Amino acid sequence: MGVEIETITPGNKTNYPKPGDRVSMHYVGSLKDGTVFDSSRKRNQPFKCAIGVGQLIRGWDEGVPKMSVGEKAKFVITPDFGYGAQGVPGLIPGNSTLIFEVELLAIE
């Protein structure tokens, strides 16, 4: 259980975010059946946040620091590292496995 990471496009293999770093990312989030529930790409607005400090789901806090700048990866996140039994009402059913395509654009 947790987060499984598959590299789609390698990054620079030099710059990795550390807990507390602010990062800029693009992502597309979907359910196992392919239903897209969120996309920064669709909004054409990178997502910026602090990583590894508990502001995000555990799958992101553990997965993003394993990426280097420029890397694109697929995260498969089990419910215990995602939104758990409660899900996100009206958006993500409880106990859902989440699929994210994440691109680490920058460490700010």
Foldseek 3Di string as FASTA:
>chain_A
DFKDKDWPFADPVPAFDDQFWKFWKWKWKDFPVRHTQDTVVVVVHTDIDGALPPPAFQNRNVPRRVGGAFIKMKMWGWQNSHVAQPADPPGGHHRTTMIMTMHTHDTD
